[in-house]
Amino acid sequence: MGSEVIILPLIFGVIFGIFYLYISARNKERLALIEKGADASIFYGKDRKVTPIWKVIIINLALLLMGIGAGTLLSEAIVQAGMNEDVAVPGTIFFMAGAGLFLGFILTKKLNKDA
């Protein structure tokens, strides 16, 4: 009964911790570069070509969902072939979802080269 009270603050604490570490590490890195004499324009330059984050999210989400769908279909075929359903279904779905995310990583790298 009391686990709900513990889990919600824990989730928010983890999210806060991730953002805090990201922002503080970025700040320290920028201060170190400025101390070495680097120009501040490297942080906000117009010539920097970066793929928009919405493209990366859409590609990875689409490939993740396609991987889950393909894993579901493939696991049903494996179950029909005679493998235990308790092992085949989650294993195949997770494997295909991971393959989809890996393909998304490769495509994102390719997008960054083209941008």
PDB file of N, CA and C in Angstrom:
ATOM      1  N   MET A   1       0.820  -1.182   0.000  1.00  0.00           N
ATOM      2  CA  MET A   1       0.000   0.000   0.000  1.00  0.00           C
ATOM      3  C   MET A   1       0.870   1.254   0.000  1.00  0.00           C
ATOM      4  N   GLY A   2       1.984   1.253   0.697  1.00  0.00           N
ATOM      5  CA  GLY A   2       2.826   2.428   0.795  1.00  0.00           C
ATOM      6  C   GLY A   2       3.809   2.568  -0.355  1.00  0.00           C
ATOM      7  N   SER A   3       3.860   1.589  -1.250  1.00  0.00           N
ATOM      8  CA  SER A   3       4.831   1.652  -2.337  1.00  0.00           C
ATOM      9  C   SER A   3       4.511   2.773  -3.324  1.00  0.00           C
ATOM     10  N   GLU A   4       3.213   3.142  -3.450  1.00  0.00           N
ATOM     11  CA  GLU A   4       2.865   4.242  -4.351  1.00  0.00           C
ATOM     12  C   GLU A   4       3.465   5.555  -3.864  1.00  0.00           C
ATOM     13  N   VAL A   5       3.549   5.691  -2.566  1.00  0.00           N
ATOM     14  CA  VAL A   5       4.080   6.923  -1.979  1.00  0.00           C
ATOM     15  C   VAL A   5       5.580   7.019  -2.228  1.00  0.00           C
ATOM     16  N   ILE A   6       6.251   5.910  -2.327  1.00  0.00           N
ATOM     17  CA  ILE A   6       7.696   5.894  -2.520  1.00  0.00           C
ATOM     18  C   ILE A   6       8.066   6.014  -3.995  1.00  0.00           C
ATOM     19  N   ILE A   7       7.315   5.377  -4.868  1.00  0.00           N
ATOM     20  CA  ILE A   7       7.691   5.300  -6.279  1.00  0.00           C
ATOM     21  C   ILE A   7       7.579   6.651  -6.978  1.00  0.00           C
ATOM     22  N   LEU A   8       6.520   7.398  -6.745  1.00  0.00           N
ATOM     23  CA  LEU A   8       6.331   8.669  -7.434  1.00  0.00           C
ATOM     24  C   LEU A   8       7.444   9.673  -7.128  1.00  0.00           C
ATOM     25  N   PRO A   9       7.812   9.905  -5.861  1.00  0.00           N
ATOM     26  CA  PRO A   9       8.951  10.813  -5.628  1.00  0.00           C
ATOM     27  C   PRO A   9      10.268  10.262  -6.183  1.00  0.00           C
ATOM     28  N   LEU A  10      10.402   8.958  -6.202  1.00  0.00           N
ATOM     29  CA  LEU A  10      11.610   8.354  -6.751  1.00  0.00           C
ATOM     30  C   LEU A  10      11.730   8.641  -8.248  1.00  0.00           C
ATOM     31  N   ILE A  11      10.633   8.538  -8.970  1.00  0.00           N
ATOM     32  CA  ILE A  11      10.649   8.830 -10.403  1.00  0.00           C
ATOM     33  C   ILE A  11      11.009  10.289 -10.642  1.00  0.00           C
ATOM     34  N   PHE A  12      10.358  11.193  -9.914  1.00  0.00           N
ATOM     35  CA  PHE A  12      10.671  12.605 -10.074  1.00  0.00           C
ATOM     36  C   PHE A  12      12.110  12.911  -9.658  1.00  0.00           C
ATOM     37  N   GLY A  13      12.610  12.243  -8.635  1.00  0.00           N
ATOM     38  CA  GLY A  13      13.994  12.439  -8.219  1.00  0.00           C
ATOM     39  C   GLY A  13      14.985  11.998  -9.279  1.00  0.00           C
ATOM     40  N   VAL A  14      14.708  10.895  -9.936  1.00  0.00           N
ATOM     41  CA  VAL A  14      15.595  10.407 -10.994  1.00  0.00           C
ATOM     42  C   VAL A  14      15.589  11.375 -12.172  1.00  0.00           C
ATOM     43  N   ILE A  15      14.407  11.846 -12.564  1.00  0.00           N
ATOM     44  CA  ILE A  15      14.327  12.802 -13.670  1.00  0.00           C
ATOM     45  C   ILE A  15      15.070  14.086 -13.318  1.00  0.00           C
ATOM     46  N   PHE A  16      14.871  14.591 -12.090  1.00  0.00           N
ATOM     47  CA  PHE A  16      15.581  15.795 -11.658  1.00  0.00           C
ATOM     48  C   PHE A  16      17.091  15.558 -11.658  1.00  0.00           C
ATOM     49  N   GLY A  17      17.524  14.402 -11.179  1.00  0.00           N
ATOM     50  CA  GLY A  17      18.948  14.095 -11.132  1.00  0.00           C
ATOM     51  C   GLY A  17      19.583  14.054 -12.512  1.00  0.00           C
ATOM     52  N   ILE A  18      18.873  13.482 -13.476  1.00  0.00           N
ATOM     53  CA  ILE A  18      19.401  13.416 -14.840  1.00  0.00           C
ATOM     54  C   ILE A  18      19.558  14.822 -15.414  1.00  0.00           C
ATOM     55  N   PHE A  19      18.526  15.655 -15.270  1.00  0.00           N
ATOM     56  CA  PHE A  19      18.625  17.014 -15.782  1.00  0.00           C
ATOM     57  C   PHE A  19      19.705  17.812 -15.064  1.00  0.00           C
ATOM     58  N   TYR A  20      19.818  17.636 -13.757  1.00  0.00           N
ATOM     59  CA  TYR A  20      20.831  18.364 -12.992  1.00  0.00           C
ATOM     60  C   TYR A  20      22.240  17.974 -13.450  1.00  0.00           C
ATOM     61  N   LEU A  21      22.482  16.683 -13.613  1.00  0.00           N
ATOM     62  CA  LEU A  21      23.799  16.242 -14.059  1.00  0.00           C
ATOM     63  C   LEU A  21      24.104  16.729 -15.471  1.00  0.00           C
ATOM     64  N   TYR A  22      23.115  16.716 -16.327  1.00  0.00           N
ATOM     65  CA  TYR A  22      23.316  17.175 -17.699  1.00  0.00           C
ATOM     66  C   TYR A  22      23.682  18.661 -17.725  1.00  0.00           C
ATOM     67  N   ILE A  23      22.925  19.461 -17.015  1.00  0.00           N
ATOM     68  CA  ILE A  23      23.156  20.905 -17.038  1.00  0.00           C
ATOM     69  C   ILE A  23      24.465  21.259 -16.342  1.00  0.00           C
ATOM     70  N   SER A  24      24.761  20.634 -15.209  1.00  0.00           N
ATOM     71  CA  SER A  24      26.003  20.973 -14.511  1.00  0.00           C
ATOM     72  C   SER A  24      27.232  20.506 -15.301  1.00  0.00           C
ATOM     73  N   ALA A  25      27.159  19.353 -15.951  1.00  0.00           N
ATOM     74  CA  ALA A  25      28.294  18.884 -16.754  1.00  0.00           C
ATOM     75  C   ALA A  25      28.505  19.789 -17.964  1.00  0.00           C
ATOM     76  N   ARG A  26      27.411  20.214 -18.582  1.00  0.00           N
ATOM     77  CA  ARG A  26      27.529  21.111 -19.730  1.00  0.00           C
ATOM     78  C   ARG A  26      28.138  22.445 -19.313  1.00  0.00           C
ATOM     79  N   ASN A  27      27.723  22.943 -18.157  1.00  0.00           N
ATOM     80  CA  ASN A  27      28.249  24.207 -17.665  1.00  0.00           C
ATOM     81  C   ASN A  27      29.748  24.092 -17.373  1.00  0.00           C
ATOM     82  N   LYS A  28      30.165  23.019 -16.723  1.00  0.00           N
ATOM     83  CA  LYS A  28      31.592  22.832 -16.411  1.00  0.00           C
ATOM     84  C   LYS A  28      32.424  22.710 -17.684  1.00  0.00           C
ATOM     85  N   GLU A  29      31.891  22.000 -18.669  1.00  0.00           N
ATOM     86  CA  GLU A  29      32.615  21.840 -19.924  1.00  0.00           C
ATOM     87  C   GLU A  29      32.778  23.187 -20.632  1.00  0.00           C
ATOM     88  N   ARG A  30      31.728  23.972 -20.657  1.00  0.00           N
ATOM     89  CA  ARG A  30      31.801  25.279 -21.304  1.00  0.00           C
ATOM     90  C   ARG A  30      32.754  26.213 -20.569  1.00  0.00           C
ATOM     91  N   LEU A  31      32.726  26.193 -19.237  1.00  0.00           N
ATOM     92  CA  LEU A  31      33.655  27.036 -18.475  1.00  0.00           C
ATOM     93  C   LEU A  31      35.097  26.635 -18.736  1.00  0.00           C
ATOM     94  N   ALA A  32      35.354  25.341 -18.829  1.00  0.00           N
ATOM     95  CA  ALA A  32      36.716  24.887 -19.097  1.00  0.00           C
ATOM     96  C   ALA A  32      37.179  25.330 -20.480  1.00  0.00           C
ATOM     97  N   LEU A  33      36.297  25.275 -21.469  1.00  0.00           N
ATOM     98  CA  LEU A  33      36.679  25.721 -22.809  1.00  0.00           C
ATOM     99  C   LEU A  33      36.930  27.214 -22.852  1.00  0.00           C
ATOM    100  N   ILE A  34      36.117  27.979 -22.143  1.00  0.00           N
ATOM    101  CA  ILE A  34      36.297  29.430 -22.123  1.00  0.00           C
ATOM    102  C   ILE A  34      37.583  29.797 -21.401  1.00  0.00           C
ATOM    103  N   GLU A  35      37.930  29.069 -20.322  1.00  0.00           N
ATOM    104  CA  GLU A  35      39.178  29.334 -19.611  1.00  0.00           C
ATOM    105  C   GLU A  35      40.393  29.071 -20.487  1.00  0.00           C
ATOM    106  N   LYS A  36      40.270  28.112 -21.394  1.00  0.00           N
ATOM    107  CA  LYS A  36      41.391  27.813 -22.290  1.00  0.00           C
ATOM    108  C   LYS A  36      41.467  28.795 -23.447  1.00  0.00           C
ATOM    109  N   GLY A  37      40.502  29.697 -23.537  1.00  0.00           N
ATOM    110  CA  GLY A  37      40.557  30.719 -24.573  1.00  0.00           C
ATOM    111  C   GLY A  37      39.690  30.432 -25.779  1.00  0.00           C
ATOM    112  N   ALA A  38      38.826  29.439 -25.724  1.00  0.00           N
ATOM    113  CA  ALA A  38      37.951  29.145 -26.849  1.00  0.00           C
ATOM    114  C   ALA A  38      36.890  30.228 -26.967  1.00  0.00           C
ATOM    115  N   ASP A  39      36.496  30.503 -28.186  1.00  0.00           N
ATOM    116  CA  ASP A  39      35.487  31.521 -28.436  1.00  0.00           C
ATOM    117  C   ASP A  39      34.107  30.978 -28.059  1.00  0.00           C
ATOM    118  N   ALA A  40      33.270  31.823 -27.475  1.00  0.00           N
ATOM    119  CA  ALA A  40      31.938  31.392 -27.037  1.00  0.00           C
ATOM    120  C   ALA A  40      31.008  31.120 -28.206  1.00  0.00           C
ATOM    121  N   SER A  41      31.385  31.535 -29.400  1.00  0.00           N
ATOM    122  CA  SER A  41      30.511  31.330 -30.555  1.00  0.00           C
ATOM    123  C   SER A  41      30.427  29.851 -30.956  1.00  0.00           C
ATOM    124  N   ILE A  42      31.327  29.021 -30.441  1.00  0.00           N
ATOM    125  CA  ILE A  42      31.259  27.600 -30.794  1.00  0.00           C
ATOM    126  C   ILE A  42      30.022  26.940 -30.207  1.00  0.00           C
ATOM    127  N   PHE A  43      29.421  27.556 -29.186  1.00  0.00           N
ATOM    128  CA  PHE A  43      28.232  26.987 -28.577  1.00  0.00           C
ATOM    129  C   PHE A  43      26.970  27.338 -29.342  1.00  0.00           C
ATOM    130  N   TYR A  44      26.971  28.489 -30.014  1.00  0.00           N
ATOM    131  CA  TYR A  44      25.755  28.970 -30.668  1.00  0.00           C
ATOM    132  C   TYR A  44      26.000  29.348 -32.123  1.00  0.00           C
ATOM    133  N   GLY A  45      26.949  28.713 -32.766  1.00  0.00           N
ATOM    134  CA  GLY A  45      27.293  29.073 -34.130  1.00  0.00           C
ATOM    135  C   GLY A  45      26.189  28.726 -35.124  1.00  0.00           C
ATOM    136  N   LYS A  46      26.061  29.558 -36.147  1.00  0.00           N
ATOM    137  CA  LYS A  46      25.065  29.323 -37.192  1.00  0.00           C
ATOM    138  C   LYS A  46      25.534  28.238 -38.155  1.00  0.00           C
ATOM    139  N   ASP A  47      26.851  28.031 -38.228  1.00  0.00           N
ATOM    140  CA  ASP A  47      27.373  27.051 -39.166  1.00  0.00           C
ATOM    141  C   ASP A  47      27.299  25.621 -38.656  1.00  0.00           C
ATOM    142  N   ARG A  48      26.882  25.443 -37.413  1.00  0.00           N
ATOM    143  CA  ARG A  48      26.742  24.087 -36.862  1.00  0.00           C
ATOM    144  C   ARG A  48      25.542  23.411 -37.480  1.00  0.00           C
ATOM    145  N   LYS A  49      25.750  22.256 -38.058  1.00  0.00           N
ATOM    146  CA  LYS A  49      24.652  21.520 -38.671  1.00  0.00           C
ATOM    147  C   LYS A  49      24.276  20.359 -37.759  1.00  0.00           C
ATOM    148  N   VAL A  50      23.098  20.451 -37.182  1.00  0.00           N
ATOM    149  CA  VAL A  50      22.615  19.428 -36.263  1.00  0.00           C
ATOM    150  C   VAL A  50      21.235  19.000 -36.722  1.00  0.00           C
ATOM    151  N   THR A  51      20.994  17.719 -36.718  1.00  0.00           N
ATOM    152  CA  THR A  51      19.683  17.205 -37.063  1.00  0.00           C
ATOM    153  C   THR A  51      18.681  17.627 -35.997  1.00  0.00           C
ATOM    154  N   PRO A  52      17.528  18.145 -36.395  1.00  0.00           N
ATOM    155  CA  PRO A  52      16.512  18.527 -35.401  1.00  0.00           C
ATOM    156  C   PRO A  52      16.083  17.328 -34.563  1.00  0.00           C
ATOM    157  N   ILE A  53      15.867  17.574 -33.280  1.00  0.00           N
ATOM    158  CA  ILE A  53      15.561  16.488 -32.348  1.00  0.00           C
ATOM    159  C   ILE A  53      14.250  15.811 -32.690  1.00  0.00           C
ATOM    160  N   TRP A  54      13.299  16.539 -33.286  1.00  0.00           N
ATOM    161  CA  TRP A  54      12.016  15.923 -33.601  1.00  0.00           C
ATOM    162  C   TRP A  54      12.173  14.846 -34.660  1.00  0.00           C
ATOM    163  N   LYS A  55      13.127  15.017 -35.592  1.00  0.00           N
ATOM    164  CA  LYS A  55      13.363  13.983 -36.597  1.00  0.00           C
ATOM    165  C   LYS A  55      13.930  12.716 -35.954  1.00  0.00           C
ATOM    166  N   VAL A  56      14.827  12.906 -35.017  1.00  0.00           N
ATOM    167  CA  VAL A  56      15.442  11.755 -34.342  1.00  0.00           C
ATOM    168  C   VAL A  56      14.394  10.997 -33.534  1.00  0.00           C
ATOM    169  N   ILE A  57      13.536  11.731 -32.822  1.00  0.00           N
ATOM    170  CA  ILE A  57      12.503  11.086 -32.005  1.00  0.00           C
ATOM    171  C   ILE A  57      11.521  10.332 -32.882  1.00  0.00           C
ATOM    172  N   ILE A  58      11.094  10.938 -33.985  1.00  0.00           N
ATOM    173  CA  ILE A  58      10.126  10.281 -34.861  1.00  0.00           C
ATOM    174  C   ILE A  58      10.721   9.022 -35.485  1.00  0.00           C
ATOM    175  N   ILE A  59      11.956   9.101 -35.947  1.00  0.00           N
ATOM    176  CA  ILE A  59      12.592   7.921 -36.558  1.00  0.00           C
ATOM    177  C   ILE A  59      12.723   6.800 -35.535  1.00  0.00           C
ATOM    178  N   ASN A  60      13.225   7.121 -34.344  1.00  0.00           N
ATOM    179  CA  ASN A  60      13.423   6.079 -33.340  1.00  0.00           C
ATOM    180  C   ASN A  60      12.105   5.508 -32.837  1.00  0.00           C
ATOM    181  N   LEU A  61      11.090   6.347 -32.653  1.00  0.00           N
ATOM    182  CA  LEU A  61       9.788   5.867 -32.200  1.00  0.00           C
ATOM    183  C   LEU A  61       9.138   4.985 -33.259  1.00  0.00           C
ATOM    184  N   ALA A  62       9.222   5.402 -34.522  1.00  0.00           N
ATOM    185  CA  ALA A  62       8.638   4.604 -35.599  1.00  0.00           C
ATOM    186  C   ALA A  62       9.320   3.238 -35.702  1.00  0.00           C
ATOM    187  N   LEU A  63      10.644   3.234 -35.636  1.00  0.00           N
ATOM    188  CA  LEU A  63      11.357   1.964 -35.744  1.00  0.00           C
ATOM    189  C   LEU A  63      11.145   1.091 -34.511  1.00  0.00           C
ATOM    190  N   LEU A  64      10.989   1.707 -33.343  1.00  0.00           N
ATOM    191  CA  LEU A  64      10.688   0.933 -32.138  1.00  0.00           C
ATOM    192  C   LEU A  64       9.334   0.247 -32.270  1.00  0.00           C
ATOM    193  N   LEU A  65       8.328   0.997 -32.701  1.00  0.00           N
ATOM    194  CA  LEU A  65       6.999   0.405 -32.850  1.00  0.00           C
ATOM    195  C   LEU A  65       6.963  -0.652 -33.959  1.00  0.00           C
ATOM    196  N   MET A  66       7.693  -0.404 -35.038  1.00  0.00           N
ATOM    197  CA  MET A  66       7.777  -1.411 -36.096  1.00  0.00           C
ATOM    198  C   MET A  66       8.480  -2.669 -35.590  1.00  0.00           C
ATOM    199  N   GLY A  67       9.501  -2.495 -34.770  1.00  0.00           N
ATOM    200  CA  GLY A  67      10.191  -3.641 -34.194  1.00  0.00           C
ATOM    201  C   GLY A  67       9.297  -4.436 -33.258  1.00  0.00           C
ATOM    202  N   ILE A  68       8.485  -3.740 -32.467  1.00  0.00           N
ATOM    203  CA  ILE A  68       7.557  -4.438 -31.572  1.00  0.00           C
ATOM    204  C   ILE A  68       6.527  -5.207 -32.387  1.00  0.00           C
ATOM    205  N   GLY A  69       6.009  -4.594 -33.446  1.00  0.00           N
ATOM    206  CA  GLY A  69       5.045  -5.289 -34.308  1.00  0.00           C
ATOM    207  C   GLY A  69       5.663  -6.496 -34.992  1.00  0.00           C
ATOM    208  N   ALA A  70       6.860  -6.341 -35.522  1.00  0.00           N
ATOM    209  CA  ALA A  70       7.535  -7.462 -36.169  1.00  0.00           C
ATOM    210  C   ALA A  70       7.866  -8.556 -35.155  1.00  0.00           C
ATOM    211  N   GLY A  71       8.237  -8.154 -33.938  1.00  0.00           N
ATOM    212  CA  GLY A  71       8.518  -9.141 -32.896  1.00  0.00           C
ATOM    213  C   GLY A  71       7.287  -9.918 -32.497  1.00  0.00           C
ATOM    214  N   THR A  72       6.142  -9.245 -32.463  1.00  0.00           N
ATOM    215  CA  THR A  72       4.886  -9.930 -32.141  1.00  0.00           C
ATOM    216  C   THR A  72       4.544 -10.961 -33.213  1.00  0.00           C
ATOM    217  N   LEU A  73       4.668 -10.555 -34.476  1.00  0.00           N
ATOM    218  CA  LEU A  73       4.380 -11.495 -35.561  1.00  0.00           C
ATOM    219  C   LEU A  73       5.366 -12.659 -35.571  1.00  0.00           C
ATOM    220  N   LEU A  74       6.631 -12.356 -35.405  1.00  0.00           N
ATOM    221  CA  LEU A  74       7.651 -13.403 -35.413  1.00  0.00           C
ATOM    222  C   LEU A  74       7.493 -14.345 -34.225  1.00  0.00           C
ATOM    223  N   SER A  75       7.131 -13.803 -33.063  1.00  0.00           N
ATOM    224  CA  SER A  75       6.953 -14.663 -31.894  1.00  0.00           C
ATOM    225  C   SER A  75       5.760 -15.592 -32.074  1.00  0.00           C
ATOM    226  N   GLU A  76       4.721 -15.117 -32.730  1.00  0.00           N
ATOM    227  CA  GLU A  76       3.575 -16.001 -32.996  1.00  0.00           C
ATOM    228  C   GLU A  76       3.972 -17.131 -33.933  1.00  0.00           C
ATOM    229  N   ALA A  77       4.804 -16.842 -34.915  1.00  0.00           N
ATOM    230  CA  ALA A  77       5.284 -17.888 -35.811  1.00  0.00           C
ATOM    231  C   ALA A  77       6.157 -18.895 -35.062  1.00  0.00           C
ATOM    232  N   ILE A  78       6.967 -18.405 -34.149  1.00  0.00           N
ATOM    233  CA  ILE A  78       7.827 -19.308 -33.368  1.00  0.00           C
ATOM    234  C   ILE A  78       6.991 -20.177 -32.433  1.00  0.00           C
ATOM    235  N   VAL A  79       5.945 -19.582 -31.839  1.00  0.00           N
ATOM    236  CA  VAL A  79       5.069 -20.356 -30.951  1.00  0.00           C
ATOM    237  C   VAL A  79       4.337 -21.431 -31.746  1.00  0.00           C
ATOM    238  N   GLN A  80       3.895 -21.088 -32.961  1.00  0.00           N
ATOM    239  CA  GLN A  80       3.209 -22.081 -33.802  1.00  0.00           C
ATOM    240  C   GLN A  80       4.150 -23.203 -34.219  1.00  0.00           C
ATOM    241  N   ALA A  81       5.443 -22.908 -34.282  1.00  0.00           N
ATOM    242  CA  ALA A  81       6.425 -23.937 -34.641  1.00  0.00           C
ATOM    243  C   ALA A  81       6.698 -24.885 -33.489  1.00  0.00           C
ATOM    244  N   GLY A  82       6.266 -24.523 -32.270  1.00  0.00           N
ATOM    245  CA  GLY A  82       6.394 -25.461 -31.173  1.00  0.00           C
ATOM    246  C   GLY A  82       7.205 -24.995 -29.989  1.00  0.00           C
ATOM    247  N   MET A  83       7.689 -23.761 -29.979  1.00  0.00           N
ATOM    248  CA  MET A  83       8.469 -23.286 -28.849  1.00  0.00           C
ATOM    249  C   MET A  83       7.540 -22.844 -27.722  1.00  0.00           C
ATOM    250  N   ASN A  84       8.053 -22.844 -26.506  1.00  0.00           N
ATOM    251  CA  ASN A  84       7.277 -22.439 -25.344  1.00  0.00           C
ATOM    252  C   ASN A  84       6.890 -20.964 -25.469  1.00  0.00           C
ATOM    253  N   GLU A  85       5.611 -20.660 -25.266  1.00  0.00           N
ATOM    254  CA  GLU A  85       5.115 -19.300 -25.438  1.00  0.00           C
ATOM    255  C   GLU A  85       5.680 -18.342 -24.397  1.00  0.00           C
ATOM    256  N   ASP A  86       5.922 -18.814 -23.189  1.00  0.00           N
ATOM    257  CA  ASP A  86       6.440 -17.953 -22.123  1.00  0.00           C
ATOM    258  C   ASP A  86       7.844 -17.443 -22.412  1.00  0.00           C
ATOM    259  N   VAL A  87       8.572 -18.154 -23.230  1.00  0.00           N
ATOM    260  CA  VAL A  87       9.939 -17.751 -23.579  1.00  0.00           C
ATOM    261  C   VAL A  87       9.961 -17.008 -24.906  1.00  0.00           C
ATOM    262  N   ALA A  88       9.211 -17.490 -25.877  1.00  0.00           N
ATOM    263  CA  ALA A  88       9.294 -16.961 -27.243  1.00  0.00           C
ATOM    264  C   ALA A  88       8.749 -15.544 -27.361  1.00  0.00           C
ATOM    265  N   VAL A  89       7.615 -15.272 -26.746  1.00  0.00           N
ATOM    266  CA  VAL A  89       6.953 -13.980 -26.968  1.00  0.00           C
ATOM    267  C   VAL A  89       7.777 -12.807 -26.418  1.00  0.00           C
ATOM    268  N   PRO A  90       8.110 -12.774 -25.120  1.00  0.00           N
ATOM    269  CA  PRO A  90       8.865 -11.601 -24.664  1.00  0.00           C
ATOM    270  C   PRO A  90      10.266 -11.520 -25.255  1.00  0.00           C
ATOM    271  N   GLY A  91      10.908 -12.660 -25.433  1.00  0.00           N
ATOM    272  CA  GLY A  91      12.262 -12.649 -25.985  1.00  0.00           C
ATOM    273  C   GLY A  91      12.304 -12.096 -27.398  1.00  0.00           C
ATOM    274  N   THR A  92      11.377 -12.520 -28.220  1.00  0.00           N
ATOM    275  CA  THR A  92      11.357 -12.055 -29.605  1.00  0.00           C
ATOM    276  C   THR A  92      10.953 -10.592 -29.694  1.00  0.00           C
ATOM    277  N   ILE A  93       9.976 -10.187 -28.888  1.00  0.00           N
ATOM    278  CA  ILE A  93       9.546  -8.791 -28.927  1.00  0.00           C
ATOM    279  C   ILE A  93      10.673  -7.867 -28.480  1.00  0.00           C
ATOM    280  N   PHE A  94      11.347  -8.192 -27.392  1.00  0.00           N
ATOM    281  CA  PHE A  94      12.449  -7.344 -26.923  1.00  0.00           C
ATOM    282  C   PHE A  94      13.604  -7.332 -27.919  1.00  0.00           C
ATOM    283  N   PHE A  95      13.889  -8.484 -28.519  1.00  0.00           N
ATOM    284  CA  PHE A  95      14.975  -8.554 -29.489  1.00  0.00           C
ATOM    285  C   PHE A  95      14.679  -7.680 -30.709  1.00  0.00           C
ATOM    286  N   MET A  96      13.473  -7.775 -31.232  1.00  0.00           N
ATOM    287  CA  MET A  96      13.125  -6.993 -32.421  1.00  0.00           C
ATOM    288  C   MET A  96      13.012  -5.503 -32.094  1.00  0.00           C
ATOM    289  N   ALA A  97      12.536  -5.163 -30.890  1.00  0.00           N
ATOM    290  CA  ALA A  97      12.488  -3.758 -30.492  1.00  0.00           C
ATOM    291  C   ALA A  97      13.908  -3.195 -30.387  1.00  0.00           C
ATOM    292  N   GLY A  98      14.822  -3.962 -29.831  1.00  0.00           N
ATOM    293  CA  GLY A  98      16.217  -3.539 -29.754  1.00  0.00           C
ATOM    294  C   GLY A  98      16.846  -3.404 -31.132  1.00  0.00           C
ATOM    295  N   ALA A  99      16.510  -4.313 -32.032  1.00  0.00           N
ATOM    296  CA  ALA A  99      17.025  -4.218 -33.401  1.00  0.00           C
ATOM    297  C   ALA A  99      16.489  -2.954 -34.080  1.00  0.00           C
ATOM    298  N   GLY A 100      15.228  -2.618 -33.827  1.00  0.00           N
ATOM    299  CA  GLY A 100      14.663  -1.395 -34.378  1.00  0.00           C
ATOM    300  C   GLY A 100      15.350  -0.152 -33.844  1.00  0.00           C
ATOM    301  N   LEU A 101      15.635  -0.132 -32.545  1.00  0.00           N
ATOM    302  CA  LEU A 101      16.340   1.012 -31.966  1.00  0.00           C
ATOM    303  C   LEU A 101      17.775   1.111 -32.483  1.00  0.00           C
ATOM    304  N   PHE A 102      18.413  -0.026 -32.696  1.00  0.00           N
ATOM    305  CA  PHE A 102      19.768  -0.015 -33.250  1.00  0.00           C
ATOM    306  C   PHE A 102      19.756   0.532 -34.676  1.00  0.00           C
ATOM    307  N   LEU A 103      18.768   0.125 -35.458  1.00  0.00           N
ATOM    308  CA  LEU A 103      18.628   0.657 -36.806  1.00  0.00           C
ATOM    309  C   LEU A 103      18.351   2.157 -36.761  1.00  0.00           C
ATOM    310  N   GLY A 104      17.568   2.607 -35.787  1.00  0.00           N
ATOM    311  CA  GLY A 104      17.319   4.028 -35.619  1.00  0.00           C
ATOM    312  C   GLY A 104      18.590   4.787 -35.290  1.00  0.00           C
ATOM    313  N   PHE A 105      19.461   4.188 -34.485  1.00  0.00           N
ATOM    314  CA  PHE A 105      20.749   4.798 -34.160  1.00  0.00           C
ATOM    315  C   PHE A 105      21.596   4.964 -35.414  1.00  0.00           C
ATOM    316  N   ILE A 106      21.622   3.939 -36.245  1.00  0.00           N
ATOM    317  CA  ILE A 106      22.403   3.997 -37.484  1.00  0.00           C
ATOM    318  C   ILE A 106      21.847   5.063 -38.417  1.00  0.00           C
ATOM    319  N   LEU A 107      20.523   5.117 -38.565  1.00  0.00           N
ATOM    320  CA  LEU A 107      19.910   6.122 -39.421  1.00  0.00           C
ATOM    321  C   LEU A 107      20.118   7.536 -38.892  1.00  0.00           C
ATOM    322  N   THR A 108      20.123   7.691 -37.579  1.00  0.00           N
ATOM    323  CA  THR A 108      20.357   9.013 -36.993  1.00  0.00           C
ATOM    324  C   THR A 108      21.784   9.482 -37.273  1.00  0.00           C
ATOM    325  N   LYS A 109      22.737   8.559 -37.196  1.00  0.00           N
ATOM    326  CA  LYS A 109      24.116   8.917 -37.528  1.00  0.00           C
ATOM    327  C   LYS A 109      24.214   9.351 -38.980  1.00  0.00           C
ATOM    328  N   LYS A 110      23.478   8.650 -39.853  1.00  0.00           N
ATOM    329  CA  LYS A 110      23.486   9.002 -41.263  1.00  0.00           C
ATOM    330  C   LYS A 110      22.843  10.376 -41.495  1.00  0.00           C
ATOM    331  N   LEU A 111      21.779  10.681 -40.737  1.00  0.00           N
ATOM    332  CA  LEU A 111      21.145  11.995 -40.842  1.00  0.00           C
ATOM    333  C   LEU A 111      22.090  13.101 -40.396  1.00  0.00           C
ATOM    334  N   ASN A 112      22.873  12.849 -39.345  1.00  0.00           N
ATOM    335  CA  ASN A 112      23.804  13.865 -38.855  1.00  0.00           C
ATOM    336  C   ASN A 112      24.905  14.146 -39.873  1.00  0.00           C
ATOM    337  N   LYS A 113      25.301  13.129 -40.643  1.00  0.00           N
ATOM    338  CA  LYS A 113      26.310  13.342 -41.675  1.00  0.00           C
ATOM    339  C   LYS A 113      25.746  14.147 -42.830  1.00  0.00           C
ATOM    340  N   ASP A 114      24.471  13.922 -43.156  1.00  0.00           N
ATOM    341  CA  ASP A 114      23.845  14.641 -44.261  1.00  0.00           C
ATOM    342  C   ASP A 114      23.499  16.070 -43.908  1.00  0.00           C
ATOM    343  N   ALA A 115      23.228  16.341 -42.614  1.00  0.00           N
ATOM    344  CA  ALA A 115      22.767  17.684 -42.215  1.00  0.00           C
ATOM    345  C   ALA A 115      23.834  18.724 -42.338  1.00  0.00           C
TER     346      ALA A 115
END
